[in-house]
Amino acid sequence: MPRATLAIQVQSLAGCDDLEPINAAIELIQQAGFNYEVGSLETTIEGDDAGELMQVAIDAHRAAIAKGADAIQSNIRLLERPSGLDTMRERVAPYRNQTTE
């Protein structure tokens, strides 16, 4: 049971088609070793130490900048509960695979 969940949205201010910086941020998150889920607008990471998750977010932001983008904006949300949280998969399971036509 994780104690912290962090969501990060990395945006290149050059435009929505500038995916190279975003892909670099996601690659860094993948290599960090935490459970994560990539969504259409943000990536969620979970772990036991909020400080470690914040460091991953900062590193992901800097990885995006390193790709030469003119400007990167990262929006970060952090949830921490020392007694533990449901996993992100548990929280979204009831809503998965539900589509409307």
PDB file of N, CA and C in Angstrom:
ATOM      1  N   MET A   1       0.846  -1.173   0.000  1.00  0.00           N
ATOM      2  CA  MET A   1       0.000   0.000   0.000  1.00  0.00           C
ATOM      3  C   MET A   1       0.893   1.239   0.000  1.00  0.00           C
ATOM      4  N   PRO A   2       0.799   2.059  -1.055  1.00  0.00           N
ATOM      5  CA  PRO A   2       1.632   3.261  -1.120  1.00  0.00           C
ATOM      6  C   PRO A   2       1.157   4.311  -0.123  1.00  0.00           C
ATOM      7  N   ARG A   3       2.050   5.215   0.206  1.00  0.00           N
ATOM      8  CA  ARG A   3       1.698   6.320   1.103  1.00  0.00           C
ATOM      9  C   ARG A   3       1.604   7.647   0.370  1.00  0.00           C
ATOM     10  N   ALA A   4       2.041   7.672  -0.891  1.00  0.00           N
ATOM     11  CA  ALA A   4       2.001   8.921  -1.659  1.00  0.00           C
ATOM     12  C   ALA A   4       1.716   8.621  -3.126  1.00  0.00           C
ATOM     13  N   THR A   5       0.990   9.539  -3.736  1.00  0.00           N
ATOM     14  CA  THR A   5       0.701   9.487  -5.164  1.00  0.00           C
ATOM     15  C   THR A   5       0.966  10.868  -5.732  1.00  0.00           C
ATOM     16  N   LEU A   6       1.651  10.905  -6.862  1.00  0.00           N
ATOM     17  CA  LEU A   6       1.970  12.159  -7.512  1.00  0.00           C
ATOM     18  C   LEU A   6       1.508  12.080  -8.957  1.00  0.00           C
ATOM     19  N   ALA A   7       0.849  13.118  -9.419  1.00  0.00           N
ATOM     20  CA  ALA A   7       0.467  13.222 -10.822  1.00  0.00           C
ATOM     21  C   ALA A   7       1.234  14.385 -11.430  1.00  0.00           C
ATOM     22  N   ILE A   8       1.811  14.166 -12.600  1.00  0.00           N
ATOM     23  CA  ILE A   8       2.551  15.218 -13.282  1.00  0.00           C
ATOM     24  C   ILE A   8       2.072  15.326 -14.718  1.00  0.00           C
ATOM     25  N   GLN A   9       1.836  16.541 -15.120  1.00  0.00           N
ATOM     26  CA  GLN A   9       1.497  16.860 -16.501  1.00  0.00           C
ATOM     27  C   GLN A   9       2.628  17.742 -17.016  1.00  0.00           C
ATOM     28  N   VAL A  10       3.348  17.252 -18.017  1.00  0.00           N
ATOM     29  CA  VAL A  10       4.450  17.996 -18.615  1.00  0.00           C
ATOM     30  C   VAL A  10       3.961  18.523 -19.959  1.00  0.00           C
ATOM     31  N   GLN A  11       4.073  19.826 -20.141  1.00  0.00           N
ATOM     32  CA  GLN A  11       3.613  20.447 -21.374  1.00  0.00           C
ATOM     33  C   GLN A  11       4.732  21.250 -22.012  1.00  0.00           C
ATOM     34  N   SER A  12       4.910  21.026 -23.298  1.00  0.00           N
ATOM     35  CA  SER A  12       5.800  21.895 -24.056  1.00  0.00           C
ATOM     36  C   SER A  12       4.988  23.110 -24.468  1.00  0.00           C
ATOM     37  N   LEU A  13       5.457  24.284 -24.154  1.00  0.00           N
ATOM     38  CA  LEU A  13       4.722  25.491 -24.502  1.00  0.00           C
ATOM     39  C   LEU A  13       4.877  25.843 -25.974  1.00  0.00           C
ATOM     40  N   ALA A  14       5.649  25.027 -26.710  1.00  0.00           N
ATOM     41  CA  ALA A  14       5.790  25.228 -28.154  1.00  0.00           C
ATOM     42  C   ALA A  14       4.559  24.724 -28.897  1.00  0.00           C
ATOM     43  N   GLY A  15       3.762  23.879 -28.272  1.00  0.00           N
ATOM     44  CA  GLY A  15       2.561  23.376 -28.928  1.00  0.00           C
ATOM     45  C   GLY A  15       2.300  21.927 -28.600  1.00  0.00           C
ATOM     46  N   CYS A  16       1.072  21.492 -28.857  1.00  0.00           N
ATOM     47  CA  CYS A  16       0.671  20.137 -28.471  1.00  0.00           C
ATOM     48  C   CYS A  16       1.302  19.062 -29.346  1.00  0.00           C
ATOM     49  N   ASP A  17       1.896  19.436 -30.477  1.00  0.00           N
ATOM     50  CA  ASP A  17       2.527  18.437 -31.343  1.00  0.00           C
ATOM     51  C   ASP A  17       3.998  18.209 -30.996  1.00  0.00           C
ATOM     52  N   ASP A  18       4.515  18.932 -30.040  1.00  0.00           N
ATOM     53  CA  ASP A  18       5.916  18.806 -29.639  1.00  0.00           C
ATOM     54  C   ASP A  18       6.029  17.705 -28.587  1.00  0.00           C
ATOM     55  N   LEU A  19       6.049  16.444 -29.048  1.00  0.00           N
ATOM     56  CA  LEU A  19       6.003  15.297 -28.133  1.00  0.00           C
ATOM     57  C   LEU A  19       7.365  14.835 -27.634  1.00  0.00           C
ATOM     58  N   GLU A  20       8.440  15.239 -28.268  1.00  0.00           N
ATOM     59  CA  GLU A  20       9.764  14.755 -27.856  1.00  0.00           C
ATOM     60  C   GLU A  20      10.074  15.073 -26.389  1.00  0.00           C
ATOM     61  N   PRO A  21       9.835  16.297 -25.909  1.00  0.00           N
ATOM     62  CA  PRO A  21      10.089  16.564 -24.490  1.00  0.00           C
ATOM     63  C   PRO A  21       9.187  15.749 -23.562  1.00  0.00           C
ATOM     64  N   ILE A  22       7.944  15.570 -23.950  1.00  0.00           N
ATOM     65  CA  ILE A  22       7.010  14.800 -23.127  1.00  0.00           C
ATOM     66  C   ILE A  22       7.443  13.341 -23.072  1.00  0.00           C
ATOM     67  N   ASN A  23       7.847  12.803 -24.205  1.00  0.00           N
ATOM     68  CA  ASN A  23       8.332  11.418 -24.235  1.00  0.00           C
ATOM     69  C   ASN A  23       9.577  11.250 -23.378  1.00  0.00           C
ATOM     70  N   ALA A  24      10.445  12.251 -23.349  1.00  0.00           N
ATOM     71  CA  ALA A  24      11.647  12.191 -22.508  1.00  0.00           C
ATOM     72  C   ALA A  24      11.263  12.162 -21.032  1.00  0.00           C
ATOM     73  N   ALA A  25      10.259  12.950 -20.648  1.00  0.00           N
ATOM     74  CA  ALA A  25       9.799  12.959 -19.260  1.00  0.00           C
ATOM     75  C   ALA A  25       9.215  11.600 -18.880  1.00  0.00           C
ATOM     76  N   ILE A  26       8.403  11.022 -19.762  1.00  0.00           N
ATOM     77  CA  ILE A  26       7.799   9.719 -19.480  1.00  0.00           C
ATOM     78  C   ILE A  26       8.875   8.640 -19.384  1.00  0.00           C
ATOM     79  N   GLU A  27       9.866   8.701 -20.257  1.00  0.00           N
ATOM     80  CA  GLU A  27      10.956   7.715 -20.215  1.00  0.00           C
ATOM     81  C   GLU A  27      11.700   7.783 -18.877  1.00  0.00           C
ATOM     82  N   LEU A  28      11.945   8.979 -18.392  1.00  0.00           N
ATOM     83  CA  LEU A  28      12.612   9.116 -17.092  1.00  0.00           C
ATOM     84  C   LEU A  28      11.757   8.509 -15.992  1.00  0.00           C
ATOM     85  N   ILE A  29      10.463   8.758 -16.020  1.00  0.00           N
ATOM     86  CA  ILE A  29       9.555   8.195 -15.022  1.00  0.00           C
ATOM     87  C   ILE A  29       9.571   6.674 -15.091  1.00  0.00           C
ATOM     88  N   GLN A  30       9.554   6.121 -16.286  1.00  0.00           N
ATOM     89  CA  GLN A  30       9.593   4.666 -16.448  1.00  0.00           C
ATOM     90  C   GLN A  30      10.847   4.068 -15.829  1.00  0.00           C
ATOM     91  N   GLN A  31      11.956   4.758 -15.957  1.00  0.00           N
ATOM     92  CA  GLN A  31      13.237   4.256 -15.456  1.00  0.00           C
ATOM     93  C   GLN A  31      13.410   4.453 -13.949  1.00  0.00           C
ATOM     94  N   ALA A  32      12.524   5.224 -13.323  1.00  0.00           N
ATOM     95  CA  ALA A  32      12.678   5.558 -11.901  1.00  0.00           C
ATOM     96  C   ALA A  32      12.366   4.388 -10.977  1.00  0.00           C
ATOM     97  N   GLY A  33      11.642   3.394 -11.471  1.00  0.00           N
ATOM     98  CA  GLY A  33      11.399   2.198 -10.666  1.00  0.00           C
ATOM     99  C   GLY A  33      10.147   2.225  -9.807  1.00  0.00           C
ATOM    100  N   PHE A  34       9.309   3.225  -9.942  1.00  0.00           N
ATOM    101  CA  PHE A  34       8.058   3.298  -9.187  1.00  0.00           C
ATOM    102  C   PHE A  34       6.914   2.747 -10.031  1.00  0.00           C
ATOM    103  N   ASN A  35       5.823   2.366  -9.384  1.00  0.00           N
ATOM    104  CA  ASN A  35       4.609   2.057 -10.123  1.00  0.00           C
ATOM    105  C   ASN A  35       4.119   3.357 -10.743  1.00  0.00           C
ATOM    106  N   TYR A  36       3.706   3.300 -12.004  1.00  0.00           N
ATOM    107  CA  TYR A  36       3.243   4.500 -12.691  1.00  0.00           C
ATOM    108  C   TYR A  36       2.178   4.115 -13.706  1.00  0.00           C
ATOM    109  N   GLU A  37       1.412   5.099 -14.115  1.00  0.00           N
ATOM    110  CA  GLU A  37       0.435   4.909 -15.173  1.00  0.00           C
ATOM    111  C   GLU A  37       0.419   6.171 -16.027  1.00  0.00           C
ATOM    112  N   VAL A  38       0.603   5.981 -17.325  1.00  0.00           N
ATOM    113  CA  VAL A  38       0.570   7.091 -18.259  1.00  0.00           C
ATOM    114  C   VAL A  38      -0.869   7.267 -18.721  1.00  0.00           C
ATOM    115  N   GLY A  39      -1.392   8.475 -18.574  1.00  0.00           N
ATOM    116  CA  GLY A  39      -2.724   8.804 -19.045  1.00  0.00           C
ATOM    117  C   GLY A  39      -2.644   9.756 -20.219  1.00  0.00           C
ATOM    118  N   SER A  40      -3.773  10.127 -20.742  1.00  0.00           N
ATOM    119  CA  SER A  40      -3.784  11.002 -21.919  1.00  0.00           C
ATOM    120  C   SER A  40      -3.337  12.429 -21.593  1.00  0.00           C
ATOM    121  N   LEU A  41      -3.472  12.843 -20.338  1.00  0.00           N
ATOM    122  CA  LEU A  41      -3.104  14.213 -19.979  1.00  0.00           C
ATOM    123  C   LEU A  41      -2.060  14.314 -18.873  1.00  0.00           C
ATOM    124  N   GLU A  42      -1.789  13.207 -18.175  1.00  0.00           N
ATOM    125  CA  GLU A  42      -0.811  13.241 -17.091  1.00  0.00           C
ATOM    126  C   GLU A  42      -0.323  11.832 -16.804  1.00  0.00           C
ATOM    127  N   THR A  43       0.759  11.758 -16.067  1.00  0.00           N
ATOM    128  CA  THR A  43       1.293  10.478 -15.620  1.00  0.00           C
ATOM    129  C   THR A  43       1.228  10.463 -14.098  1.00  0.00           C
ATOM    130  N   THR A  44       0.759   9.348 -13.543  1.00  0.00           N
ATOM    131  CA  THR A  44       0.624   9.194 -12.101  1.00  0.00           C
ATOM    132  C   THR A  44       1.679   8.209 -11.612  1.00  0.00           C
ATOM    133  N   ILE A  45       2.318   8.555 -10.506  1.00  0.00           N
ATOM    134  CA  ILE A  45       3.372   7.742  -9.902  1.00  0.00           C
ATOM    135  C   ILE A  45       2.978   7.509  -8.445  1.00  0.00           C
ATOM    136  N   GLU A  46       3.268   6.313  -7.934  1.00  0.00           N
ATOM    137  CA  GLU A  46       2.981   6.071  -6.522  1.00  0.00           C
ATOM    138  C   GLU A  46       4.178   5.440  -5.832  1.00  0.00           C
ATOM    139  N   GLY A  47       4.311   5.733  -4.543  1.00  0.00           N
ATOM    140  CA  GLY A  47       5.408   5.202  -3.757  1.00  0.00           C
ATOM    141  C   GLY A  47       5.213   5.524  -2.291  1.00  0.00           C
ATOM    142  N   ASP A  48       6.225   5.254  -1.492  1.00  0.00           N
ATOM    143  CA  ASP A  48       6.125   5.456  -0.051  1.00  0.00           C
ATOM    144  C   ASP A  48       6.702   6.783   0.432  1.00  0.00           C
ATOM    145  N   ASP A  49       7.480   7.446  -0.398  1.00  0.00           N
ATOM    146  CA  ASP A  49       8.164   8.654   0.036  1.00  0.00           C
ATOM    147  C   ASP A  49       7.810   9.805  -0.905  1.00  0.00           C
ATOM    148  N   ALA A  50       7.065  10.783  -0.392  1.00  0.00           N
ATOM    149  CA  ALA A  50       6.649  11.916  -1.218  1.00  0.00           C
ATOM    150  C   ALA A  50       7.854  12.694  -1.758  1.00  0.00           C
ATOM    151  N   GLY A  51       8.903  12.781  -0.969  1.00  0.00           N
ATOM    152  CA  GLY A  51      10.104  13.481  -1.419  1.00  0.00           C
ATOM    153  C   GLY A  51      10.742  12.814  -2.622  1.00  0.00           C
ATOM    154  N   GLU A  52      10.785  11.492  -2.615  1.00  0.00           N
ATOM    155  CA  GLU A  52      11.332  10.762  -3.762  1.00  0.00           C
ATOM    156  C   GLU A  52      10.469  10.976  -5.001  1.00  0.00           C
ATOM    157  N   LEU A  53       9.151  10.983  -4.826  1.00  0.00           N
ATOM    158  CA  LEU A  53       8.265  11.222  -5.963  1.00  0.00           C
ATOM    159  C   LEU A  53       8.449  12.635  -6.510  1.00  0.00           C
ATOM    160  N   MET A  54       8.623  13.613  -5.618  1.00  0.00           N
ATOM    161  CA  MET A  54       8.865  14.985  -6.070  1.00  0.00           C
ATOM    162  C   MET A  54      10.178  15.070  -6.845  1.00  0.00           C
ATOM    163  N   GLN A  55      11.188  14.329  -6.403  1.00  0.00           N
ATOM    164  CA  GLN A  55      12.462  14.346  -7.131  1.00  0.00           C
ATOM    165  C   GLN A  55      12.302  13.758  -8.526  1.00  0.00           C
ATOM    166  N   VAL A  56      11.514  12.702  -8.657  1.00  0.00           N
ATOM    167  CA  VAL A  56      11.236  12.129  -9.982  1.00  0.00           C
ATOM    168  C   VAL A  56      10.533  13.170 -10.854  1.00  0.00           C
ATOM    169  N   ALA A  57       9.579  13.896 -10.272  1.00  0.00           N
ATOM    170  CA  ALA A  57       8.865  14.925 -11.033  1.00  0.00           C
ATOM    171  C   ALA A  57       9.819  16.023 -11.511  1.00  0.00           C
ATOM    172  N   ILE A  58      10.699  16.457 -10.640  1.00  0.00           N
ATOM    173  CA  ILE A  58      11.686  17.484 -11.019  1.00  0.00           C
ATOM    174  C   ILE A  58      12.602  16.948 -12.111  1.00  0.00           C
ATOM    175  N   ASP A  59      13.062  15.716 -11.949  1.00  0.00           N
ATOM    176  CA  ASP A  59      13.938  15.113 -12.957  1.00  0.00           C
ATOM    177  C   ASP A  59      13.225  14.957 -14.296  1.00  0.00           C
ATOM    178  N   ALA A  60      11.937  14.582 -14.273  1.00  0.00           N
ATOM    179  CA  ALA A  60      11.155  14.449 -15.506  1.00  0.00           C
ATOM    180  C   ALA A  60      11.009  15.810 -16.185  1.00  0.00           C
ATOM    181  N   HIS A  61      10.749  16.835 -15.407  1.00  0.00           N
ATOM    182  CA  HIS A  61      10.648  18.202 -15.934  1.00  0.00           C
ATOM    183  C   HIS A  61      11.963  18.600 -16.616  1.00  0.00           C
ATOM    184  N   ARG A  62      13.062  18.334 -15.948  1.00  0.00           N
ATOM    185  CA  ARG A  62      14.378  18.699 -16.504  1.00  0.00           C
ATOM    186  C   ARG A  62      14.737  17.857 -17.727  1.00  0.00           C
ATOM    187  N   ALA A  63      14.286  16.594 -17.752  1.00  0.00           N
ATOM    188  CA  ALA A  63      14.518  15.752 -18.936  1.00  0.00           C
ATOM    189  C   ALA A  63      13.800  16.339 -20.147  1.00  0.00           C
ATOM    190  N   ALA A  64      12.612  16.879 -19.917  1.00  0.00           N
ATOM    191  CA  ALA A  64      11.871  17.517 -21.008  1.00  0.00           C
ATOM    192  C   ALA A  64      12.594  18.770 -21.491  1.00  0.00           C
ATOM    193  N   ILE A  65      13.089  19.570 -20.560  1.00  0.00           N
ATOM    194  CA  ILE A  65      13.841  20.776 -20.931  1.00  0.00           C
ATOM    195  C   ILE A  65      15.098  20.413 -21.715  1.00  0.00           C
ATOM    196  N   ALA A  66      15.750  19.328 -21.323  1.00  0.00           N
ATOM    197  CA  ALA A  66      17.003  18.914 -21.973  1.00  0.00           C
ATOM    198  C   ALA A  66      16.805  18.551 -23.445  1.00  0.00           C
ATOM    199  N   LYS A  67      15.586  18.316 -23.853  1.00  0.00           N
ATOM    200  CA  LYS A  67      15.315  17.999 -25.260  1.00  0.00           C
ATOM    201  C   LYS A  67      15.276  19.246 -26.128  1.00  0.00           C
ATOM    202  N   GLY A  68      15.555  20.402 -25.543  1.00  0.00           N
ATOM    203  CA  GLY A  68      15.686  21.624 -26.318  1.00  0.00           C
ATOM    204  C   GLY A  68      14.406  22.420 -26.486  1.00  0.00           C
ATOM    205  N   ALA A  69      13.381  22.094 -25.739  1.00  0.00           N
ATOM    206  CA  ALA A  69      12.143  22.857 -25.831  1.00  0.00           C
ATOM    207  C   ALA A  69      12.381  24.294 -25.372  1.00  0.00           C
ATOM    208  N   ASP A  70      11.689  25.212 -25.994  1.00  0.00           N
ATOM    209  CA  ASP A  70      11.822  26.619 -25.634  1.00  0.00           C
ATOM    210  C   ASP A  70      11.340  26.869 -24.213  1.00  0.00           C
ATOM    211  N   ALA A  71      10.238  26.196 -23.844  1.00  0.00           N
ATOM    212  CA  ALA A  71       9.694  26.349 -22.484  1.00  0.00           C
ATOM    213  C   ALA A  71       8.874  25.115 -22.143  1.00  0.00           C
ATOM    214  N   ILE A  72       9.015  24.639 -20.917  1.00  0.00           N
ATOM    215  CA  ILE A  72       8.257  23.491 -20.408  1.00  0.00           C
ATOM    216  C   ILE A  72       7.520  23.929 -19.160  1.00  0.00           C
ATOM    217  N   GLN A  73       6.257  23.559 -19.096  1.00  0.00           N
ATOM    218  CA  GLN A  73       5.462  23.796 -17.892  1.00  0.00           C
ATOM    219  C   GLN A  73       5.051  22.437 -17.339  1.00  0.00           C
ATOM    220  N   SER A  74       5.290  22.217 -16.051  1.00  0.00           N
ATOM    221  CA  SER A  74       4.869  20.984 -15.392  1.00  0.00           C
ATOM    222  C   SER A  74       3.882  21.322 -14.288  1.00  0.00           C
ATOM    223  N   ASN A  75       2.755  20.658 -14.315  1.00  0.00           N
ATOM    224  CA  ASN A  75       1.739  20.788 -13.280  1.00  0.00           C
ATOM    225  C   ASN A  75       1.811  19.536 -12.419  1.00  0.00           C
ATOM    226  N   ILE A  76       1.972  19.717 -11.123  1.00  0.00           N
ATOM    227  CA  ILE A  76       2.192  18.593 -10.212  1.00  0.00           C
ATOM    228  C   ILE A  76       1.136  18.608  -9.115  1.00  0.00           C
ATOM    229  N   ARG A  77       0.557  17.436  -8.864  1.00  0.00           N
ATOM    230  CA  ARG A  77      -0.360  17.272  -7.734  1.00  0.00           C
ATOM    231  C   ARG A  77       0.174  16.137  -6.881  1.00  0.00           C
ATOM    232  N   LEU A  78       0.197  16.326  -5.586  1.00  0.00           N
ATOM    233  CA  LEU A  78       0.755  15.347  -4.661  1.00  0.00           C
ATOM    234  C   LEU A  78      -0.265  15.042  -3.570  1.00  0.00           C
ATOM    235  N   LEU A  79      -0.513  13.761  -3.373  1.00  0.00           N
ATOM    236  CA  LEU A  79      -1.383  13.292  -2.298  1.00  0.00           C
ATOM    237  C   LEU A  79      -0.539  12.404  -1.398  1.00  0.00           C
ATOM    238  N   GLU A  80      -0.562  12.681  -0.104  1.00  0.00           N
ATOM    239  CA  GLU A  80       0.212  11.881   0.836  1.00  0.00           C
ATOM    240  C   GLU A  80      -0.672  11.537   2.034  1.00  0.00           C
ATOM    241  N   ARG A  81      -0.606  10.279   2.426  1.00  0.00           N
ATOM    242  CA  ARG A  81      -1.323   9.811   3.619  1.00  0.00           C
ATOM    243  C   ARG A  81      -0.416   8.810   4.327  1.00  0.00           C
ATOM    244  N   PRO A  82       0.181   9.194   5.445  1.00  0.00           N
ATOM    245  CA  PRO A  82       1.139   8.323   6.133  1.00  0.00           C
ATOM    246  C   PRO A  82       0.595   6.943   6.478  1.00  0.00           C
ATOM    247  N   SER A  83      -0.705   6.822   6.719  1.00  0.00           N
ATOM    248  CA  SER A  83      -1.271   5.505   7.052  1.00  0.00           C
ATOM    249  C   SER A  83      -1.516   4.640   5.813  1.00  0.00           C
ATOM    250  N   GLY A  84      -1.319   5.194   4.631  1.00  0.00           N
ATOM    251  CA  GLY A  84      -1.439   4.422   3.402  1.00  0.00           C
ATOM    252  C   GLY A  84      -2.633   4.824   2.558  1.00  0.00           C
ATOM    253  N   LEU A  85      -2.502   4.572   1.267  1.00  0.00           N
ATOM    254  CA  LEU A  85      -3.527   4.885   0.280  1.00  0.00           C
ATOM    255  C   LEU A  85      -3.867   3.631  -0.515  1.00  0.00           C
ATOM    256  N   ASP A  86      -5.062   3.592  -1.065  1.00  0.00           N
ATOM    257  CA  ASP A  86      -5.349   2.565  -2.056  1.00  0.00           C
ATOM    258  C   ASP A  86      -4.408   2.794  -3.232  1.00  0.00           C
ATOM    259  N   THR A  87      -4.063   1.736  -3.941  1.00  0.00           N
ATOM    260  CA  THR A  87      -3.226   1.913  -5.125  1.00  0.00           C
ATOM    261  C   THR A  87      -4.032   2.627  -6.200  1.00  0.00           C
ATOM    262  N   MET A  88      -3.341   3.204  -7.157  1.00  0.00           N
ATOM    263  CA  MET A  88      -4.049   3.897  -8.230  1.00  0.00           C
ATOM    264  C   MET A  88      -4.927   2.926  -9.010  1.00  0.00           C
ATOM    265  N   ARG A  89      -4.484   1.701  -9.161  1.00  0.00           N
ATOM    266  CA  ARG A  89      -5.295   0.708  -9.872  1.00  0.00           C
ATOM    267  C   ARG A  89      -6.582   0.388  -9.112  1.00  0.00           C
ATOM    268  N   GLU A  90      -6.479   0.288  -7.789  1.00  0.00           N
ATOM    269  CA  GLU A  90      -7.679   0.041  -6.983  1.00  0.00           C
ATOM    270  C   GLU A  90      -8.662   1.195  -7.094  1.00  0.00           C
ATOM    271  N   ARG A  91      -8.150   2.416  -7.126  1.00  0.00           N
ATOM    272  CA  ARG A  91      -9.029   3.582  -7.171  1.00  0.00           C
ATOM    273  C   ARG A  91      -9.758   3.721  -8.495  1.00  0.00           C
ATOM    274  N   VAL A  92      -9.133   3.292  -9.585  1.00  0.00           N
ATOM    275  CA  VAL A  92      -9.767   3.481 -10.897  1.00  0.00           C
ATOM    276  C   VAL A  92     -10.439   2.222 -11.435  1.00  0.00           C
ATOM    277  N   ALA A  93     -10.222   1.086 -10.792  1.00  0.00           N
ATOM    278  CA  ALA A  93     -10.774  -0.191 -11.295  1.00  0.00           C
ATOM    279  C   ALA A  93     -12.267  -0.134 -11.591  1.00  0.00           C
ATOM    280  N   PRO A  94     -13.090   0.462 -10.752  1.00  0.00           N
ATOM    281  CA  PRO A  94     -14.524   0.472 -11.041  1.00  0.00           C
ATOM    282  C   PRO A  94     -14.893   1.233 -12.320  1.00  0.00           C
ATOM    283  N   TYR A  95     -13.983   2.057 -12.821  1.00  0.00           N
ATOM    284  CA  TYR A  95     -14.298   2.916 -13.966  1.00  0.00           C
ATOM    285  C   TYR A  95     -13.612   2.486 -15.259  1.00  0.00           C
ATOM    286  N   ARG A  96     -12.790   1.479 -15.208  1.00  0.00           N
ATOM    287  CA  ARG A  96     -12.062   1.022 -16.387  1.00  0.00           C
ATOM    288  C   ARG A  96     -12.993   0.311 -17.355  1.00  0.00           C
ATOM    289  N   ASN A  97     -12.691   0.461 -18.629  1.00  0.00           N
ATOM    290  CA  ASN A  97     -13.402  -0.220 -19.710  1.00  0.00           C
ATOM    291  C   ASN A  97     -14.877   0.149 -19.778  1.00  0.00           C
ATOM    292  N   GLN A  98     -15.230   1.311 -19.302  1.00  0.00           N
ATOM    293  CA  GLN A  98     -16.604   1.789 -19.441  1.00  0.00           C
ATOM    294  C   GLN A  98     -16.609   2.867 -20.505  1.00  0.00           C
ATOM    295  N   THR A  99     -17.279   2.591 -21.591  1.00  0.00           N
ATOM    296  CA  THR A  99     -17.367   3.559 -22.668  1.00  0.00           C
ATOM    297  C   THR A  99     -18.822   3.847 -22.989  1.00  0.00           C
ATOM    298  N   THR A 100     -19.037   4.996 -23.547  1.00  0.00           N
ATOM    299  CA  THR A 100     -20.381   5.339 -24.009  1.00  0.00           C
ATOM    300  C   THR A 100     -20.327   5.485 -25.521  1.00  0.00           C
ATOM    301  N   GLU A 101     -21.385   5.106 -26.151  1.00  0.00           N
ATOM    302  CA  GLU A 101     -21.432   5.208 -27.614  1.00  0.00           C
ATOM    303  C   GLU A 101     -22.607   6.007 -28.066  1.00  0.00           C
TER     304      GLU A 101
END
